[in-house]
Amino acid sequence: YQRRVRGGSVQYKLEIVYSLLMPSSPNAKSNKFRGDFVVAGGIEIMMLLVENPRFLADTDQATKRSCLHILAKITKFSLTVLCYATLLLFKKENPGAQSGLNLHNSLASIPNPGIERVLRVAAQQLVQDTTVLTSVRNSPKAVPHLSYIQAIMRLTWRCAFGYPLLCKPIEKDCAPSHSVLLEDMWLVQEWIENLTICFAHQPSILEHLLVDEEFGEFIIHMTLMCSTH
């Protein structure tokens, strides 16, 4: 038996988590919470929520949109921390090596250095904590793997089509909704930014996706959508 969780309760708790991770006025308490969040497995938990196709499946549309938007912001921060931690660990363990150069170059522009400057600085400061670095090194599941990236793709696709509540992949013959809202476009933007960070961290996954018909259709639809939204 699983107790049904109310969407409003989930939204409230996600908002608390995000406000503690990215407060308007960062302080020592917020830095401690960020570290505790990573060490306690927060990155992996957020990934599990994204991968769960039944996440808030029974809640109303407005609440689910809000939850997905907050979740996207939390996972963006989490993935950014993961990237900076991975890069720092590589430099410590492989001094002078050039293999981490691609990730280093990607992080120069991902996430957006203008809009997400505060997030980037917070992530860079957090990974200076050796406890956080050790946690990342010892958490192999807290890595953007193929199924996680595919989950983000399908979620982004549903939002772009105006069906954020749909719990299954978009059918090939499914037409976009005529009521795609601005809120859906915000979701699309947030989750695409999450995708770019995933690819920066795990570029080898692109080799698998490039031979995936679904990925090709996703790129085409996203490109066509940009010209109309």
C-alpha atoms as a PDB file:
ATOM      1  CA  TYR A   1       0.000   0.000   0.000  1.00  0.00           C
ATOM      2  CA  GLN A   2       1.329   3.376  -0.981  1.00  0.00           C
ATOM      3  CA  ARG A   3      -0.065   6.527   0.567  1.00  0.00           C
ATOM      4  CA  ARG A   4      -1.144   9.023  -2.073  1.00  0.00           C
ATOM      5  CA  VAL A   5       0.872  12.214  -1.830  1.00  0.00           C
ATOM      6  CA  ARG A   6      -0.979  15.443  -2.573  1.00  0.00           C
ATOM      7  CA  GLY A   7       0.461  17.547  -5.356  1.00  0.00           C
ATOM      8  CA  GLY A   8       0.243  20.709  -3.268  1.00  0.00           C
ATOM      9  CA  SER A   9       2.337  19.089  -0.540  1.00  0.00           C
ATOM     10  CA  VAL A  10       5.010  18.055  -3.047  1.00  0.00           C
ATOM     11  CA  GLN A  11       5.071  21.540  -4.557  1.00  0.00           C
ATOM     12  CA  TYR A  12       5.485  23.121  -1.117  1.00  0.00           C
ATOM     13  CA  LYS A  13       8.379  20.821  -0.194  1.00  0.00           C
ATOM     14  CA  LEU A  14      10.134  21.308  -3.528  1.00  0.00           C
ATOM     15  CA  GLU A  15       9.828  25.067  -3.090  1.00  0.00           C
ATOM     16  CA  ILE A  16      11.413  24.795   0.369  1.00  0.00           C
ATOM     17  CA  VAL A  17      14.295  22.713  -0.991  1.00  0.00           C
ATOM     18  CA  TYR A  18      14.950  25.176  -3.811  1.00  0.00           C
ATOM     19  CA  SER A  19      14.723  28.213  -1.530  1.00  0.00           C
ATOM     20  CA  LEU A  20      17.309  26.626   0.766  1.00  0.00           C
ATOM     21  CA  LEU A  21      19.580  25.694  -2.140  1.00  0.00           C
ATOM     22  CA  MET A  22      19.334  29.084  -3.837  1.00  0.00           C
ATOM     23  CA  PRO A  23      18.255  31.695  -1.261  1.00  0.00           C
ATOM     24  CA  SER A  24      18.030  35.344  -2.235  1.00  0.00           C
ATOM     25  CA  SER A  25      20.772  36.117   0.303  1.00  0.00           C
ATOM     26  CA  PRO A  26      23.274  33.223   0.527  1.00  0.00           C
ATOM     27  CA  ASN A  27      24.834  32.616   3.917  1.00  0.00           C
ATOM     28  CA  ALA A  28      26.664  29.955   5.924  1.00  0.00           C
ATOM     29  CA  LYS A  29      23.426  28.053   6.551  1.00  0.00           C
ATOM     30  CA  SER A  30      22.618  27.843   2.855  1.00  0.00           C
ATOM     31  CA  ASN A  31      26.131  26.581   2.085  1.00  0.00           C
ATOM     32  CA  LYS A  32      25.739  23.892   4.750  1.00  0.00           C
ATOM     33  CA  PHE A  33      22.353  22.862   3.376  1.00  0.00           C
ATOM     34  CA  ARG A  34      23.775  22.531  -0.137  1.00  0.00           C
ATOM     35  CA  GLY A  35      26.514  20.271   1.116  1.00  0.00           C
ATOM     36  CA  ASP A  36      24.091  18.199   3.186  1.00  0.00           C
ATOM     37  CA  PHE A  37      21.788  17.938   0.167  1.00  0.00           C
ATOM     38  CA  VAL A  38      24.518  16.394  -1.992  1.00  0.00           C
ATOM     39  CA  VAL A  39      25.923  14.133   0.736  1.00  0.00           C
ATOM     40  CA  ALA A  40      22.446  12.860   1.663  1.00  0.00           C
ATOM     41  CA  GLY A  41      21.819  11.712  -1.919  1.00  0.00           C
ATOM     42  CA  GLY A  42      19.741  14.679  -3.063  1.00  0.00           C
ATOM     43  CA  ILE A  43      21.042  14.542  -6.632  1.00  0.00           C
ATOM     44  CA  GLU A  44      20.046  10.907  -7.038  1.00  0.00           C
ATOM     45  CA  ILE A  45      16.617  11.490  -5.469  1.00  0.00           C
ATOM     46  CA  MET A  46      15.853  14.325  -7.888  1.00  0.00           C
ATOM     47  CA  MET A  47      16.879  12.090 -10.792  1.00  0.00           C
ATOM     48  CA  LEU A  48      14.530   9.366  -9.594  1.00  0.00           C
ATOM     49  CA  LEU A  49      11.642  11.838  -9.554  1.00  0.00           C
ATOM     50  CA  VAL A  50      12.378  12.834 -13.141  1.00  0.00           C
ATOM     51  CA  GLU A  51      12.545   9.210 -14.273  1.00  0.00           C
ATOM     52  CA  ASN A  52       9.305   8.214 -12.538  1.00  0.00           C
ATOM     53  CA  PRO A  53       6.566   8.371 -15.239  1.00  0.00           C
ATOM     54  CA  ARG A  54       3.891   8.404 -12.519  1.00  0.00           C
ATOM     55  CA  PHE A  55       5.323  11.415 -10.697  1.00  0.00           C
ATOM     56  CA  LEU A  56       2.250  13.476  -9.724  1.00  0.00           C
ATOM     57  CA  ALA A  57       0.229  11.707 -12.414  1.00  0.00           C
ATOM     58  CA  ASP A  58      -3.013  12.247 -10.509  1.00  0.00           C
ATOM     59  CA  THR A  59      -2.588  15.901  -9.635  1.00  0.00           C
ATOM     60  CA  ASP A  60      -4.046  18.918 -11.419  1.00  0.00           C
ATOM     61  CA  GLN A  61      -2.318  20.557 -14.359  1.00  0.00           C
ATOM     62  CA  ALA A  62      -1.341  23.843 -12.678  1.00  0.00           C
ATOM     63  CA  THR A  63       0.229  22.097  -9.692  1.00  0.00           C
ATOM     64  CA  LYS A  64       2.170  19.658 -11.837  1.00  0.00           C
ATOM     65  CA  ARG A  65       3.493  22.489 -14.004  1.00  0.00           C
ATOM     66  CA  SER A  66       4.720  24.292 -10.903  1.00  0.00           C
ATOM     67  CA  CYS A  67       6.329  21.139  -9.506  1.00  0.00           C
ATOM     68  CA  LEU A  68       8.069  20.349 -12.801  1.00  0.00           C
ATOM     69  CA  HIS A  69       9.386  23.901 -13.031  1.00  0.00           C
ATOM     70  CA  ILE A  70      10.869  23.816  -9.527  1.00  0.00           C
ATOM     71  CA  LEU A  71      12.215  20.296 -10.082  1.00  0.00           C
ATOM     72  CA  ALA A  72      13.928  21.481 -13.280  1.00  0.00           C
ATOM     73  CA  LYS A  73      15.669  24.272 -11.368  1.00  0.00           C
ATOM     74  CA  ILE A  74      16.800  21.909  -8.604  1.00  0.00           C
ATOM     75  CA  THR A  75      18.136  19.342 -11.069  1.00  0.00           C
ATOM     76  CA  LYS A  76      19.901  22.095 -13.034  1.00  0.00           C
ATOM     77  CA  PHE A  77      21.745  23.099  -9.882  1.00  0.00           C
ATOM     78  CA  SER A  78      22.439  19.448  -9.014  1.00  0.00           C
ATOM     79  CA  LEU A  79      23.831  18.652 -12.460  1.00  0.00           C
ATOM     80  CA  THR A  80      25.974  21.790 -12.431  1.00  0.00           C
ATOM     81  CA  VAL A  81      27.453  20.737  -9.085  1.00  0.00           C
ATOM     82  CA  LEU A  82      28.072  17.286 -10.531  1.00  0.00           C
ATOM     83  CA  CYS A  83      29.908  18.745 -13.535  1.00  0.00           C
ATOM     84  CA  TYR A  84      32.151  21.031 -11.482  1.00  0.00           C
ATOM     85  CA  ALA A  85      32.864  18.241  -8.991  1.00  0.00           C
ATOM     86  CA  THR A  86      33.716  15.799 -11.791  1.00  0.00           C
ATOM     87  CA  LEU A  87      36.051  18.330 -13.393  1.00  0.00           C
ATOM     88  CA  LEU A  88      37.785  19.127 -10.111  1.00  0.00           C
ATOM     89  CA  LEU A  89      38.196  15.441  -9.241  1.00  0.00           C
ATOM     90  CA  PHE A  90      39.683  14.761 -12.663  1.00  0.00           C
ATOM     91  CA  LYS A  91      42.183  17.588 -12.276  1.00  0.00           C
ATOM     92  CA  LYS A  92      43.196  16.367  -8.825  1.00  0.00           C
ATOM     93  CA  GLU A  93      43.582  12.751  -9.908  1.00  0.00           C
ATOM     94  CA  ASN A  94      45.069  13.425 -13.359  1.00  0.00           C
ATOM     95  CA  PRO A  95      47.246  16.549 -13.104  1.00  0.00           C
ATOM     96  CA  GLY A  96      48.359  17.814 -16.480  1.00  0.00           C
ATOM     97  CA  ALA A  97      45.972  15.575 -18.453  1.00  0.00           C
ATOM     98  CA  GLN A  98      43.864  17.090 -21.233  1.00  0.00           C
ATOM     99  CA  SER A  99      40.942  14.655 -21.183  1.00  0.00           C
ATOM    100  CA  GLY A 100      38.805  16.970 -19.072  1.00  0.00           C
ATOM    101  CA  LEU A 101      39.222  19.847 -21.516  1.00  0.00           C
ATOM    102  CA  ASN A 102      35.867  19.273 -23.240  1.00  0.00           C
ATOM    103  CA  LEU A 103      33.957  19.488 -19.962  1.00  0.00           C
ATOM    104  CA  HIS A 104      35.958  22.554 -18.976  1.00  0.00           C
ATOM    105  CA  ASN A 105      35.114  24.266 -22.268  1.00  0.00           C
ATOM    106  CA  SER A 106      31.437  23.302 -22.008  1.00  0.00           C
ATOM    107  CA  LEU A 107      31.150  24.792 -18.537  1.00  0.00           C
ATOM    108  CA  ALA A 108      32.283  28.134 -19.947  1.00  0.00           C
ATOM    109  CA  SER A 109      28.817  28.546 -21.473  1.00  0.00           C
ATOM    110  CA  ILE A 110      26.633  25.922 -19.752  1.00  0.00           C
ATOM    111  CA  PRO A 111      24.555  26.814 -17.792  1.00  0.00           C
ATOM    112  CA  ASN A 112      24.031  30.332 -19.148  1.00  0.00           C
ATOM    113  CA  PRO A 113      26.828  32.408 -17.569  1.00  0.00           C
ATOM    114  CA  GLY A 114      24.628  35.493 -17.590  1.00  0.00           C
ATOM    115  CA  ILE A 115      21.245  34.377 -16.279  1.00  0.00           C
ATOM    116  CA  GLU A 116      22.632  31.552 -14.124  1.00  0.00           C
ATOM    117  CA  ARG A 117      25.681  33.341 -12.729  1.00  0.00           C
ATOM    118  CA  VAL A 118      24.564  32.920  -9.102  1.00  0.00           C
ATOM    119  CA  LEU A 119      23.900  29.208  -9.636  1.00  0.00           C
ATOM    120  CA  ARG A 120      27.310  28.702 -11.245  1.00  0.00           C
ATOM    121  CA  VAL A 121      29.134  30.498  -8.432  1.00  0.00           C
ATOM    122  CA  ALA A 122      27.240  28.501  -5.800  1.00  0.00           C
ATOM    123  CA  ALA A 123      28.135  25.218  -7.518  1.00  0.00           C
ATOM    124  CA  GLN A 124      31.810  26.185  -7.865  1.00  0.00           C
ATOM    125  CA  GLN A 125      32.022  27.129  -4.194  1.00  0.00           C
ATOM    126  CA  LEU A 126      30.250  23.958  -3.080  1.00  0.00           C
ATOM    127  CA  VAL A 127      32.676  21.572  -4.779  1.00  0.00           C
ATOM    128  CA  GLN A 128      35.577  23.062  -2.823  1.00  0.00           C
ATOM    129  CA  ASP A 129      34.182  21.060   0.111  1.00  0.00           C
ATOM    130  CA  THR A 130      36.093  17.749   0.251  1.00  0.00           C
ATOM    131  CA  THR A 131      33.049  16.023   1.772  1.00  0.00           C
ATOM    132  CA  VAL A 132      30.986  16.955  -1.281  1.00  0.00           C
ATOM    133  CA  LEU A 133      33.720  15.756  -3.631  1.00  0.00           C
ATOM    134  CA  THR A 134      33.973  12.443  -1.795  1.00  0.00           C
ATOM    135  CA  SER A 135      30.204  12.016  -1.958  1.00  0.00           C
ATOM    136  CA  VAL A 136      30.156  12.630  -5.707  1.00  0.00           C
ATOM    137  CA  ARG A 137      33.027  10.180  -6.246  1.00  0.00           C
ATOM    138  CA  ASN A 138      31.216   7.501  -4.221  1.00  0.00           C
ATOM    139  CA  SER A 139      27.788   7.994  -5.822  1.00  0.00           C
ATOM    140  CA  PRO A 140      27.896   6.259  -9.215  1.00  0.00           C
ATOM    141  CA  LYS A 141      24.088   6.338  -9.486  1.00  0.00           C
ATOM    142  CA  ALA A 142      24.031  10.143  -9.252  1.00  0.00           C
ATOM    143  CA  VAL A 143      25.151  10.444 -12.873  1.00  0.00           C
ATOM    144  CA  PRO A 144      23.009  11.392 -15.904  1.00  0.00           C
ATOM    145  CA  HIS A 145      22.655   7.981 -17.553  1.00  0.00           C
ATOM    146  CA  LEU A 146      20.817   7.112 -20.759  1.00  0.00           C
ATOM    147  CA  SER A 147      17.408   6.368 -19.226  1.00  0.00           C
ATOM    148  CA  TYR A 148      17.510   9.633 -17.264  1.00  0.00           C
ATOM    149  CA  ILE A 149      18.317  11.663 -20.379  1.00  0.00           C
ATOM    150  CA  GLN A 150      15.556   9.912 -22.305  1.00  0.00           C
ATOM    151  CA  ALA A 151      13.144  10.739 -19.484  1.00  0.00           C
ATOM    152  CA  ILE A 152      14.061  14.436 -19.778  1.00  0.00           C
ATOM    153  CA  MET A 153      13.600  14.281 -23.552  1.00  0.00           C
ATOM    154  CA  ARG A 154      10.108  12.808 -23.238  1.00  0.00           C
ATOM    155  CA  LEU A 155       9.143  15.256 -20.528  1.00  0.00           C
ATOM    156  CA  THR A 156      10.362  18.181 -22.649  1.00  0.00           C
ATOM    157  CA  TRP A 157       8.525  16.791 -25.651  1.00  0.00           C
ATOM    158  CA  ARG A 158       5.237  16.507 -23.737  1.00  0.00           C
ATOM    159  CA  CYS A 159       5.537  20.091 -22.498  1.00  0.00           C
ATOM    160  CA  ALA A 160       6.323  21.353 -26.007  1.00  0.00           C
ATOM    161  CA  PHE A 161       3.202  19.620 -27.306  1.00  0.00           C
ATOM    162  CA  GLY A 162       1.094  21.097 -24.509  1.00  0.00           C
ATOM    163  CA  TYR A 163       0.608  17.798 -22.647  1.00  0.00           C
ATOM    164  CA  PRO A 164       2.668  18.129 -19.422  1.00  0.00           C
ATOM    165  CA  LEU A 165       0.283  15.809 -17.572  1.00  0.00           C
ATOM    166  CA  LEU A 166       0.715  12.947 -20.051  1.00  0.00           C
ATOM    167  CA  CYS A 167       2.493  10.020 -18.382  1.00  0.00           C
ATOM    168  CA  LYS A 168       3.561   8.223 -21.566  1.00  0.00           C
ATOM    169  CA  PRO A 169       5.750   9.151 -24.551  1.00  0.00           C
ATOM    170  CA  ILE A 170       4.215  11.284 -27.314  1.00  0.00           C
ATOM    171  CA  GLU A 171       2.801   9.137 -30.106  1.00  0.00           C
ATOM    172  CA  LYS A 172       4.273   9.692 -33.567  1.00  0.00           C
ATOM    173  CA  ASP A 173       0.909  10.797 -34.997  1.00  0.00           C
ATOM    174  CA  CYS A 174       0.030  12.987 -32.008  1.00  0.00           C
ATOM    175  CA  ALA A 175      -0.660  16.611 -32.968  1.00  0.00           C
ATOM    176  CA  PRO A 176       0.520  19.482 -30.776  1.00  0.00           C
ATOM    177  CA  SER A 177      -2.142  20.939 -28.534  1.00  0.00           C
ATOM    178  CA  HIS A 178      -3.683  24.218 -29.666  1.00  0.00           C
ATOM    179  CA  SER A 179      -3.436  25.472 -26.086  1.00  0.00           C
ATOM    180  CA  VAL A 180       0.332  25.361 -25.498  1.00  0.00           C
ATOM    181  CA  LEU A 181       0.834  27.885 -22.707  1.00  0.00           C
ATOM    182  CA  LEU A 182       3.727  30.197 -21.952  1.00  0.00           C
ATOM    183  CA  GLU A 183       4.279  28.164 -18.778  1.00  0.00           C
ATOM    184  CA  ASP A 184       4.836  25.088 -20.959  1.00  0.00           C
ATOM    185  CA  MET A 185       7.479  26.957 -22.954  1.00  0.00           C
ATOM    186  CA  TRP A 186       9.261  27.905 -19.730  1.00  0.00           C
ATOM    187  CA  LEU A 187       9.304  24.217 -18.830  1.00  0.00           C
ATOM    188  CA  VAL A 188      10.705  23.331 -22.245  1.00  0.00           C
ATOM    189  CA  GLN A 189      13.490  25.892 -21.813  1.00  0.00           C
ATOM    190  CA  GLU A 190      14.415  24.664 -18.325  1.00  0.00           C
ATOM    191  CA  TRP A 191      14.511  20.996 -19.305  1.00  0.00           C
ATOM    192  CA  ILE A 192      16.480  21.628 -22.501  1.00  0.00           C
ATOM    193  CA  GLU A 193      19.056  23.449 -20.368  1.00  0.00           C
ATOM    194  CA  ASN A 194      19.140  20.363 -18.145  1.00  0.00           C
ATOM    195  CA  LEU A 195      19.759  18.244 -21.250  1.00  0.00           C
ATOM    196  CA  THR A 196      22.708  20.376 -22.333  1.00  0.00           C
ATOM    197  CA  ILE A 197      24.341  19.937 -18.930  1.00  0.00           C
ATOM    198  CA  CYS A 198      23.787  16.179 -19.127  1.00  0.00           C
ATOM    199  CA  PHE A 199      25.479  16.052 -22.530  1.00  0.00           C
ATOM    200  CA  ALA A 200      28.371  18.141 -21.246  1.00  0.00           C
ATOM    201  CA  HIS A 201      28.902  15.630 -18.443  1.00  0.00           C
ATOM    202  CA  GLN A 202      28.247  12.490 -20.482  1.00  0.00           C
ATOM    203  CA  PRO A 203      29.063  13.267 -24.145  1.00  0.00           C
ATOM    204  CA  SER A 204      29.432   9.561 -24.949  1.00  0.00           C
ATOM    205  CA  ILE A 205      25.652   9.140 -24.550  1.00  0.00           C
ATOM    206  CA  LEU A 206      25.202  11.153 -27.742  1.00  0.00           C
ATOM    207  CA  GLU A 207      26.674   8.209 -29.649  1.00  0.00           C
ATOM    208  CA  HIS A 208      23.748   6.058 -28.502  1.00  0.00           C
ATOM    209  CA  LEU A 209      21.154   8.768 -29.130  1.00  0.00           C
ATOM    210  CA  LEU A 210      22.334   9.633 -32.638  1.00  0.00           C
ATOM    211  CA  VAL A 211      21.217   6.203 -33.854  1.00  0.00           C
ATOM    212  CA  ASP A 212      17.897   6.504 -31.987  1.00  0.00           C
ATOM    213  CA  GLU A 213      14.983   7.479 -34.212  1.00  0.00           C
ATOM    214  CA  GLU A 214      13.179   9.053 -31.270  1.00  0.00           C
ATOM    215  CA  PHE A 215      16.098  11.423 -30.618  1.00  0.00           C
ATOM    216  CA  GLY A 216      16.122  12.548 -34.252  1.00  0.00           C
ATOM    217  CA  GLU A 217      12.407  13.310 -34.136  1.00  0.00           C
ATOM    218  CA  PHE A 218      12.868  15.141 -30.851  1.00  0.00           C
ATOM    219  CA  ILE A 219      15.545  17.428 -32.321  1.00  0.00           C
ATOM    220  CA  ILE A 220      13.404  18.144 -35.390  1.00  0.00           C
ATOM    221  CA  HIS A 221      10.355  19.013 -33.308  1.00  0.00           C
ATOM    222  CA  MET A 222      12.342  21.232 -30.941  1.00  0.00           C
ATOM    223  CA  THR A 223      13.932  23.048 -33.888  1.00  0.00           C
ATOM    224  CA  LEU A 224      10.590  23.631 -35.597  1.00  0.00           C
ATOM    225  CA  MET A 225       9.051  24.766 -32.324  1.00  0.00           C
ATOM    226  CA  CYS A 226      11.717  27.454 -31.876  1.00  0.00           C
ATOM    227  CA  SER A 227      10.531  29.229 -35.021  1.00  0.00           C
ATOM    228  CA  THR A 228       6.955  29.524 -33.746  1.00  0.00           C
ATOM    229  CA  HIS A 229       7.514  30.179 -30.011  1.00  0.00           C
END
